[in-house]
Amino acid sequence: MTVYTPRRAARVLLVDASDRVLLFEGSDPARPGHRYWFTPGGGLDPGEAPADGAARELAEETGLRLAPAELGAPVWSETVEFPFDGVWYRQEQQFYLVRVAGWEVDTTGFNDVERASVHGHRWWTVTDLAASAERYYPPDLPGRLGAALVGGGAC
């Protein structure tokens, strides 16, 4: 029987003027060959509101500083289960869509775990992401991102 550690998280779909989304390439320290792409964001501190956590994570991971109110409403929420560094998590997460004209990513705010497990970043179009053989999370990201870009709101 798998025992899950509960976790709350907030993630950001950071999209530039060319409708490309920023993703980080990471790996699981317990499974170094398991590489994948993922959105900026992460776990919430105890009592932290999702928008506050999303804004904090965005600043730490990309250098982009926004007030939580600038994020607007989440475009979708989900619960996922996954292993990381030998621990299984059940994570409730919300995604926010943030548009920027462009952004030079600054990862100097990474913590030790991020420095050890994040190997780079890339801006992806929905088309490139959907056509890629690379692993990315969430696995339905191209469809969700496409819907958010077209609708500009919940998907």
N, C-alpha and C. Protein backbone atom coordinates (compact mmCIF):
# COMPACT_ATOMS: atom_id res chain seq x y z
N MET A 1 0.84 -1.18 0.00
CA MET A 1 0.00 0.00 0.00
C MET A 1 0.88 1.25 0.00
N THR A 2 0.60 2.15 -0.90
CA THR A 2 1.35 3.40 -0.99
C THR A 2 0.81 4.39 0.04
N VAL A 3 1.70 4.98 0.78
CA VAL A 3 1.33 6.02 1.74
C VAL A 3 1.69 7.36 1.10
N TYR A 4 0.71 8.23 0.98
CA TYR A 4 0.91 9.52 0.34
C TYR A 4 1.10 10.63 1.37
N THR A 5 2.02 11.52 1.08
CA THR A 5 2.21 12.73 1.87
C THR A 5 1.36 13.81 1.23
N PRO A 6 0.41 14.40 1.97
CA PRO A 6 -0.42 15.46 1.37
C PRO A 6 0.42 16.73 1.15
N ARG A 7 0.12 17.40 0.07
CA ARG A 7 0.86 18.62 -0.28
C ARG A 7 -0.07 19.54 -1.05
N ARG A 8 0.03 20.82 -0.79
CA ARG A 8 -0.68 21.85 -1.56
C ARG A 8 0.35 22.60 -2.38
N ALA A 9 -0.01 22.96 -3.60
CA ALA A 9 0.94 23.64 -4.48
C ALA A 9 0.21 24.63 -5.37
N ALA A 10 0.99 25.55 -5.92
CA ALA A 10 0.50 26.51 -6.91
C ALA A 10 1.53 26.56 -8.02
N ARG A 11 1.06 26.57 -9.26
CA ARG A 11 1.94 26.55 -10.41
C ARG A 11 1.56 27.70 -11.34
N VAL A 12 2.50 28.09 -12.20
CA VAL A 12 2.29 29.24 -13.08
C VAL A 12 2.57 28.84 -14.53
N LEU A 13 1.62 29.15 -15.39
CA LEU A 13 1.82 29.06 -16.83
C LEU A 13 2.33 30.43 -17.25
N LEU A 14 3.64 30.58 -17.33
CA LEU A 14 4.24 31.86 -17.72
C LEU A 14 4.37 31.86 -19.23
N VAL A 15 3.61 32.74 -19.89
CA VAL A 15 3.49 32.73 -21.34
C VAL A 15 3.98 34.06 -21.90
N ASP A 16 4.84 33.97 -22.93
CA ASP A 16 5.38 35.19 -23.53
C ASP A 16 4.52 35.67 -24.70
N ALA A 17 4.94 36.75 -25.34
CA ALA A 17 4.16 37.37 -26.42
C ALA A 17 4.00 36.46 -27.63
N SER A 18 4.85 35.44 -27.76
CA SER A 18 4.74 34.47 -28.86
C SER A 18 3.91 33.26 -28.46
N ASP A 19 3.19 33.35 -27.34
CA ASP A 19 2.37 32.26 -26.80
C ASP A 19 3.19 31.02 -26.48
N ARG A 20 4.43 31.25 -26.03
CA ARG A 20 5.27 30.14 -25.58
C ARG A 20 5.23 30.10 -24.06
N VAL A 21 5.19 28.89 -23.51
CA VAL A 21 5.15 28.70 -22.06
C VAL A 21 6.54 28.31 -21.57
N LEU A 22 6.91 28.83 -20.41
CA LEU A 22 8.20 28.50 -19.81
C LEU A 22 8.08 27.18 -19.05
N LEU A 23 8.98 26.26 -19.35
CA LEU A 23 9.07 25.00 -18.60
C LEU A 23 10.50 24.78 -18.17
N PHE A 24 10.64 24.17 -17.01
CA PHE A 24 11.95 23.75 -16.50
C PHE A 24 12.14 22.28 -16.78
N GLU A 25 13.38 21.88 -17.05
CA GLU A 25 13.70 20.46 -17.18
C GLU A 25 14.26 19.98 -15.86
N GLY A 26 13.68 18.93 -15.32
CA GLY A 26 14.12 18.43 -14.04
C GLY A 26 14.30 16.93 -14.04
N SER A 27 14.80 16.44 -12.93
CA SER A 27 14.91 15.00 -12.70
C SER A 27 14.67 14.73 -11.23
N ASP A 28 14.28 13.52 -10.94
CA ASP A 28 14.02 13.07 -9.58
C ASP A 28 15.34 12.57 -9.00
N PRO A 29 15.79 13.12 -7.86
CA PRO A 29 17.06 12.66 -7.28
C PRO A 29 17.10 11.15 -7.03
N ALA A 30 15.96 10.54 -6.74
CA ALA A 30 15.91 9.09 -6.51
C ALA A 30 15.90 8.31 -7.83
N ARG A 31 15.61 9.00 -8.93
CA ARG A 31 15.57 8.38 -10.26
C ARG A 31 16.21 9.34 -11.26
N PRO A 32 17.54 9.50 -11.23
CA PRO A 32 18.19 10.53 -12.05
C PRO A 32 17.92 10.42 -13.55
N GLY A 33 17.63 9.24 -14.05
CA GLY A 33 17.34 9.08 -15.46
C GLY A 33 15.92 9.49 -15.84
N HIS A 34 15.09 9.76 -14.86
CA HIS A 34 13.70 10.15 -15.10
C HIS A 34 13.65 11.67 -15.27
N ARG A 35 13.82 12.12 -16.50
CA ARG A 35 13.81 13.56 -16.81
C ARG A 35 12.44 13.97 -17.29
N TYR A 36 12.09 15.21 -17.02
CA TYR A 36 10.76 15.71 -17.38
C TYR A 36 10.79 17.23 -17.37
N TRP A 37 9.77 17.82 -18.01
CA TRP A 37 9.58 19.27 -18.07
C TRP A 37 8.39 19.63 -17.20
N PHE A 38 8.46 20.77 -16.54
CA PHE A 38 7.38 21.18 -15.64
C PHE A 38 7.31 22.69 -15.55
N THR A 39 6.16 23.17 -15.09
CA THR A 39 5.92 24.62 -14.98
C THR A 39 6.57 25.17 -13.71
N PRO A 40 6.86 26.47 -13.68
CA PRO A 40 7.29 27.10 -12.43
C PRO A 40 6.21 26.93 -11.36
N GLY A 41 6.64 26.87 -10.13
CA GLY A 41 5.71 26.76 -9.01
C GLY A 41 6.17 25.68 -8.06
N GLY A 42 5.39 25.47 -7.01
CA GLY A 42 5.76 24.45 -6.05
C GLY A 42 4.89 24.48 -4.82
N GLY A 43 5.39 23.82 -3.80
CA GLY A 43 4.64 23.63 -2.57
C GLY A 43 4.35 24.93 -1.84
N LEU A 44 3.17 24.97 -1.22
CA LEU A 44 2.77 26.12 -0.43
C LEU A 44 3.26 25.97 1.00
N ASP A 45 3.61 27.08 1.61
CA ASP A 45 3.97 27.09 3.03
C ASP A 45 2.69 26.90 3.84
N PRO A 46 2.79 26.41 5.07
CA PRO A 46 1.58 26.25 5.90
C PRO A 46 0.80 27.56 6.00
N GLY A 47 -0.51 27.48 5.71
CA GLY A 47 -1.37 28.66 5.79
C GLY A 47 -1.26 29.63 4.62
N GLU A 48 -0.37 29.36 3.67
CA GLU A 48 -0.17 30.27 2.54
C GLU A 48 -1.29 30.10 1.51
N ALA A 49 -1.82 31.20 1.04
CA ALA A 49 -2.84 31.18 -0.01
C ALA A 49 -2.19 30.80 -1.34
N PRO A 50 -2.92 30.09 -2.21
CA PRO A 50 -2.33 29.68 -3.48
C PRO A 50 -1.74 30.83 -4.31
N ALA A 51 -2.44 31.96 -4.42
CA ALA A 51 -1.90 33.07 -5.21
C ALA A 51 -0.61 33.61 -4.59
N ASP A 52 -0.56 33.66 -3.25
CA ASP A 52 0.65 34.11 -2.57
C ASP A 52 1.81 33.16 -2.88
N GLY A 53 1.54 31.86 -2.80
CA GLY A 53 2.58 30.87 -3.08
C GLY A 53 3.03 30.89 -4.53
N ALA A 54 2.08 31.06 -5.44
CA ALA A 54 2.43 31.13 -6.86
C ALA A 54 3.34 32.33 -7.13
N ALA A 55 3.00 33.49 -6.56
CA ALA A 55 3.82 34.69 -6.74
C ALA A 55 5.21 34.50 -6.13
N ARG A 56 5.26 33.90 -4.95
CA ARG A 56 6.55 33.64 -4.29
C ARG A 56 7.41 32.69 -5.12
N GLU A 57 6.80 31.58 -5.55
CA GLU A 57 7.55 30.60 -6.35
C GLU A 57 8.02 31.20 -7.67
N LEU A 58 7.17 32.01 -8.30
CA LEU A 58 7.55 32.64 -9.57
C LEU A 58 8.77 33.52 -9.37
N ALA A 59 8.80 34.30 -8.31
CA ALA A 59 9.95 35.16 -8.02
C ALA A 59 11.19 34.33 -7.74
N GLU A 60 11.07 33.28 -6.92
CA GLU A 60 12.22 32.46 -6.57
C GLU A 60 12.79 31.72 -7.78
N GLU A 61 11.92 31.23 -8.64
CA GLU A 61 12.37 30.37 -9.74
C GLU A 61 12.68 31.11 -11.04
N THR A 62 12.10 32.29 -11.24
CA THR A 62 12.31 33.00 -12.51
C THR A 62 12.83 34.41 -12.34
N GLY A 63 12.73 34.96 -11.13
CA GLY A 63 13.11 36.34 -10.90
C GLY A 63 12.00 37.33 -11.18
N LEU A 64 10.86 36.86 -11.72
CA LEU A 64 9.73 37.75 -12.02
C LEU A 64 8.92 37.98 -10.75
N ARG A 65 8.83 39.24 -10.35
CA ARG A 65 8.12 39.59 -9.13
C ARG A 65 6.79 40.25 -9.47
N LEU A 66 5.71 39.58 -9.03
CA LEU A 66 4.36 40.09 -9.23
C LEU A 66 3.62 40.03 -7.90
N ALA A 67 2.68 40.95 -7.72
CA ALA A 67 1.80 40.87 -6.55
C ALA A 67 0.83 39.72 -6.79
N PRO A 68 0.46 38.99 -5.74
CA PRO A 68 -0.50 37.89 -5.91
C PRO A 68 -1.76 38.29 -6.66
N ALA A 69 -2.26 39.50 -6.44
CA ALA A 69 -3.48 39.96 -7.12
C ALA A 69 -3.29 40.03 -8.64
N GLU A 70 -2.06 40.23 -9.10
CA GLU A 70 -1.78 40.31 -10.54
C GLU A 70 -1.94 38.97 -11.24
N LEU A 71 -2.00 37.88 -10.48
CA LEU A 71 -2.11 36.55 -11.08
C LEU A 71 -3.53 36.25 -11.55
N GLY A 72 -4.51 36.95 -10.98
CA GLY A 72 -5.90 36.68 -11.33
C GLY A 72 -6.37 35.38 -10.70
N ALA A 73 -7.44 34.84 -11.27
CA ALA A 73 -8.01 33.59 -10.75
C ALA A 73 -7.27 32.40 -11.38
N PRO A 74 -7.22 31.27 -10.68
CA PRO A 74 -6.62 30.07 -11.28
C PRO A 74 -7.37 29.67 -12.55
N VAL A 75 -6.63 29.13 -13.53
CA VAL A 75 -7.26 28.65 -14.76
C VAL A 75 -7.64 27.18 -14.66
N TRP A 76 -7.03 26.45 -13.73
CA TRP A 76 -7.50 25.11 -13.43
C TRP A 76 -6.87 24.60 -12.15
N SER A 77 -7.54 23.59 -11.57
CA SER A 77 -7.07 22.94 -10.36
C SER A 77 -7.12 21.44 -10.58
N GLU A 78 -6.25 20.72 -9.91
CA GLU A 78 -6.24 19.27 -10.03
C GLU A 78 -5.55 18.66 -8.82
N THR A 79 -5.72 17.37 -8.66
CA THR A 79 -5.01 16.60 -7.65
C THR A 79 -4.19 15.54 -8.38
N VAL A 80 -2.90 15.48 -8.08
CA VAL A 80 -2.00 14.52 -8.72
C VAL A 80 -1.26 13.72 -7.66
N GLU A 81 -0.85 12.53 -8.03
CA GLU A 81 -0.03 11.68 -7.16
C GLU A 81 1.26 11.38 -7.88
N PHE A 82 2.39 11.53 -7.17
CA PHE A 82 3.68 11.33 -7.82
C PHE A 82 4.75 11.06 -6.78
N PRO A 83 5.84 10.37 -7.20
CA PRO A 83 6.98 10.21 -6.30
C PRO A 83 8.03 11.27 -6.58
N PHE A 84 8.72 11.69 -5.54
CA PHE A 84 9.88 12.56 -5.69
C PHE A 84 10.84 12.26 -4.56
N ASP A 85 12.05 11.91 -4.92
CA ASP A 85 13.12 11.61 -3.96
C ASP A 85 12.70 10.56 -2.93
N GLY A 86 11.99 9.53 -3.43
CA GLY A 86 11.61 8.41 -2.58
C GLY A 86 10.35 8.60 -1.76
N VAL A 87 9.68 9.74 -1.90
CA VAL A 87 8.45 10.02 -1.15
C VAL A 87 7.30 10.13 -2.15
N TRP A 88 6.17 9.52 -1.83
CA TRP A 88 4.97 9.65 -2.66
C TRP A 88 4.13 10.81 -2.14
N TYR A 89 3.72 11.68 -3.06
CA TYR A 89 2.91 12.85 -2.71
C TYR A 89 1.53 12.76 -3.35
N ARG A 90 0.53 13.26 -2.66
CA ARG A 90 -0.79 13.54 -3.22
C ARG A 90 -0.92 15.05 -3.14
N GLN A 91 -0.84 15.69 -4.30
CA GLN A 91 -0.73 17.14 -4.34
C GLN A 91 -1.98 17.78 -4.95
N GLU A 92 -2.58 18.68 -4.20
CA GLU A 92 -3.65 19.53 -4.72
C GLU A 92 -2.98 20.79 -5.24
N GLN A 93 -3.21 21.09 -6.53
CA GLN A 93 -2.51 22.24 -7.11
C GLN A 93 -3.43 23.06 -7.98
N GLN A 94 -3.11 24.36 -8.01
CA GLN A 94 -3.83 25.31 -8.84
C GLN A 94 -2.83 25.93 -9.82
N PHE A 95 -3.32 26.20 -11.03
CA PHE A 95 -2.50 26.81 -12.07
C PHE A 95 -3.00 28.21 -12.37
N TYR A 96 -2.06 29.14 -12.48
CA TYR A 96 -2.35 30.54 -12.84
C TYR A 96 -1.71 30.83 -14.19
N LEU A 97 -2.39 31.59 -15.02
CA LEU A 97 -1.87 32.02 -16.31
C LEU A 97 -1.34 33.44 -16.16
N VAL A 98 -0.07 33.62 -16.49
CA VAL A 98 0.57 34.94 -16.43
C VAL A 98 1.19 35.22 -17.79
N ARG A 99 0.81 36.33 -18.37
CA ARG A 99 1.36 36.73 -19.68
C ARG A 99 2.40 37.84 -19.48
N VAL A 100 3.50 37.70 -20.20
CA VAL A 100 4.56 38.72 -20.21
C VAL A 100 4.97 38.95 -21.66
N ALA A 101 5.46 40.14 -21.95
CA ALA A 101 5.96 40.40 -23.31
C ALA A 101 7.15 39.49 -23.60
N GLY A 102 8.00 39.33 -22.63
CA GLY A 102 9.17 38.47 -22.69
C GLY A 102 9.78 38.45 -21.30
N TRP A 103 10.66 37.50 -21.05
CA TRP A 103 11.28 37.47 -19.74
C TRP A 103 12.60 36.73 -19.81
N GLU A 104 13.64 37.32 -19.23
CA GLU A 104 14.95 36.68 -19.09
C GLU A 104 14.94 35.96 -17.75
N VAL A 105 14.90 34.64 -17.78
CA VAL A 105 14.76 33.82 -16.58
C VAL A 105 15.99 33.95 -15.70
N ASP A 106 15.76 34.20 -14.42
CA ASP A 106 16.82 34.32 -13.41
C ASP A 106 16.56 33.26 -12.34
N THR A 107 17.41 32.24 -12.27
CA THR A 107 17.21 31.13 -11.34
C THR A 107 18.07 31.25 -10.08
N THR A 108 18.58 32.43 -9.79
CA THR A 108 19.43 32.58 -8.60
C THR A 108 18.65 32.35 -7.31
N GLY A 109 17.33 32.38 -7.37
CA GLY A 109 16.51 32.12 -6.19
C GLY A 109 16.23 30.65 -5.93
N PHE A 110 16.78 29.76 -6.76
CA PHE A 110 16.57 28.32 -6.55
C PHE A 110 17.08 27.90 -5.18
N ASN A 111 16.36 26.95 -4.56
CA ASN A 111 16.86 26.36 -3.31
C ASN A 111 17.79 25.19 -3.66
N ASP A 112 18.35 24.53 -2.66
CA ASP A 112 19.32 23.46 -2.89
C ASP A 112 18.73 22.32 -3.71
N VAL A 113 17.51 21.93 -3.41
CA VAL A 113 16.88 20.83 -4.16
C VAL A 113 16.70 21.22 -5.62
N GLU A 114 16.27 22.44 -5.88
CA GLU A 114 16.09 22.91 -7.26
C GLU A 114 17.42 22.98 -7.99
N ARG A 115 18.46 23.48 -7.33
CA ARG A 115 19.77 23.55 -7.98
C ARG A 115 20.27 22.16 -8.37
N ALA A 116 19.96 21.16 -7.54
CA ALA A 116 20.41 19.79 -7.81
C ALA A 116 19.55 19.06 -8.83
N SER A 117 18.28 19.44 -8.95
CA SER A 117 17.38 18.63 -9.78
C SER A 117 16.83 19.35 -11.02
N VAL A 118 17.10 20.64 -11.19
CA VAL A 118 16.66 21.36 -12.38
C VAL A 118 17.88 21.57 -13.28
N HIS A 119 17.72 21.17 -14.54
CA HIS A 119 18.86 21.14 -15.46
C HIS A 119 18.81 22.20 -16.56
N GLY A 120 17.72 22.95 -16.62
CA GLY A 120 17.62 23.99 -17.63
C GLY A 120 16.18 24.43 -17.79
N HIS A 121 15.96 25.31 -18.74
CA HIS A 121 14.60 25.78 -19.02
C HIS A 121 14.48 26.05 -20.52
N ARG A 122 13.24 26.13 -20.95
CA ARG A 122 12.97 26.37 -22.37
C ARG A 122 11.56 26.95 -22.50
N TRP A 123 11.38 27.80 -23.49
CA TRP A 123 10.06 28.32 -23.84
C TRP A 123 9.49 27.42 -24.93
N TRP A 124 8.28 26.90 -24.73
CA TRP A 124 7.63 25.94 -25.63
C TRP A 124 6.34 26.51 -26.21
N THR A 125 6.10 26.28 -27.50
CA THR A 125 4.78 26.54 -28.06
C THR A 125 3.90 25.33 -27.75
N VAL A 126 2.59 25.51 -27.81
CA VAL A 126 1.67 24.39 -27.60
C VAL A 126 1.94 23.32 -28.65
N THR A 127 2.16 23.73 -29.90
CA THR A 127 2.41 22.78 -30.99
C THR A 127 3.67 21.97 -30.74
N ASP A 128 4.76 22.64 -30.36
CA ASP A 128 6.02 21.93 -30.09
C ASP A 128 5.87 20.98 -28.92
N LEU A 129 5.16 21.40 -27.90
CA LEU A 129 4.95 20.55 -26.73
C LEU A 129 4.14 19.32 -27.10
N ALA A 130 3.05 19.51 -27.83
CA ALA A 130 2.19 18.39 -28.22
C ALA A 130 2.93 17.40 -29.13
N ALA A 131 3.85 17.89 -29.97
CA ALA A 131 4.58 17.03 -30.90
C ALA A 131 5.81 16.39 -30.28
N SER A 132 6.18 16.82 -29.10
CA SER A 132 7.42 16.36 -28.48
C SER A 132 7.29 14.95 -27.91
N ALA A 133 8.39 14.22 -27.98
CA ALA A 133 8.48 12.91 -27.33
C ALA A 133 9.00 13.05 -25.89
N GLU A 134 9.31 14.28 -25.49
CA GLU A 134 9.79 14.54 -24.13
C GLU A 134 8.65 14.32 -23.13
N ARG A 135 9.01 13.99 -21.90
CA ARG A 135 8.03 13.84 -20.82
C ARG A 135 7.79 15.21 -20.21
N TYR A 136 6.53 15.54 -19.95
CA TYR A 136 6.19 16.80 -19.28
C TYR A 136 5.01 16.55 -18.36
N TYR A 137 4.92 17.42 -17.37
CA TYR A 137 3.83 17.33 -16.39
C TYR A 137 3.16 18.69 -16.27
N PRO A 138 1.85 18.72 -16.18
CA PRO A 138 0.95 17.58 -16.25
C PRO A 138 0.91 17.03 -17.68
N PRO A 139 0.58 15.73 -17.83
CA PRO A 139 0.61 15.12 -19.16
C PRO A 139 -0.40 15.71 -20.14
N ASP A 140 -1.43 16.39 -19.66
CA ASP A 140 -2.41 17.04 -20.54
C ASP A 140 -2.11 18.53 -20.72
N LEU A 141 -0.87 18.93 -20.46
CA LEU A 141 -0.50 20.34 -20.53
C LEU A 141 -0.80 21.00 -21.88
N PRO A 142 -0.50 20.38 -23.03
CA PRO A 142 -0.80 21.09 -24.29
C PRO A 142 -2.28 21.47 -24.43
N GLY A 143 -3.17 20.55 -24.11
CA GLY A 143 -4.60 20.85 -24.22
C GLY A 143 -5.05 21.90 -23.22
N ARG A 144 -4.59 21.76 -21.98
CA ARG A 144 -4.96 22.73 -20.94
C ARG A 144 -4.42 24.12 -21.27
N LEU A 145 -3.16 24.17 -21.70
CA LEU A 145 -2.54 25.45 -22.05
C LEU A 145 -3.25 26.06 -23.25
N GLY A 146 -3.52 25.25 -24.28
CA GLY A 146 -4.22 25.75 -25.46
C GLY A 146 -5.56 26.35 -25.10
N ALA A 147 -6.31 25.67 -24.23
CA ALA A 147 -7.62 26.18 -23.80
C ALA A 147 -7.47 27.48 -23.02
N ALA A 148 -6.46 27.55 -22.15
CA ALA A 148 -6.25 28.77 -21.37
C ALA A 148 -5.87 29.94 -22.26
N LEU A 149 -5.06 29.68 -23.29
CA LEU A 149 -4.64 30.76 -24.19
C LEU A 149 -5.79 31.26 -25.03
N VAL A 150 -6.66 30.37 -25.47
CA VAL A 150 -7.81 30.77 -26.29
C VAL A 150 -8.86 31.46 -25.44
N GLY A 151 -9.14 30.86 -24.29
CA GLY A 151 -10.21 31.39 -23.45
C GLY A 151 -9.75 32.47 -22.50
N GLY A 152 -8.45 32.46 -22.18
CA GLY A 152 -7.93 33.44 -21.25
C GLY A 152 -8.44 33.26 -19.85
N GLY A 153 -9.14 32.17 -19.60
CA GLY A 153 -9.70 31.94 -18.27
C GLY A 153 -9.70 30.48 -17.93
N ALA A 154 -10.66 30.06 -17.14
CA ALA A 154 -10.72 28.70 -16.63
C ALA A 154 -10.82 27.68 -17.76
N CYS A 155 -10.17 26.56 -17.54
CA CYS A 155 -10.24 25.46 -18.51
C CYS A 155 -10.37 24.14 -17.78
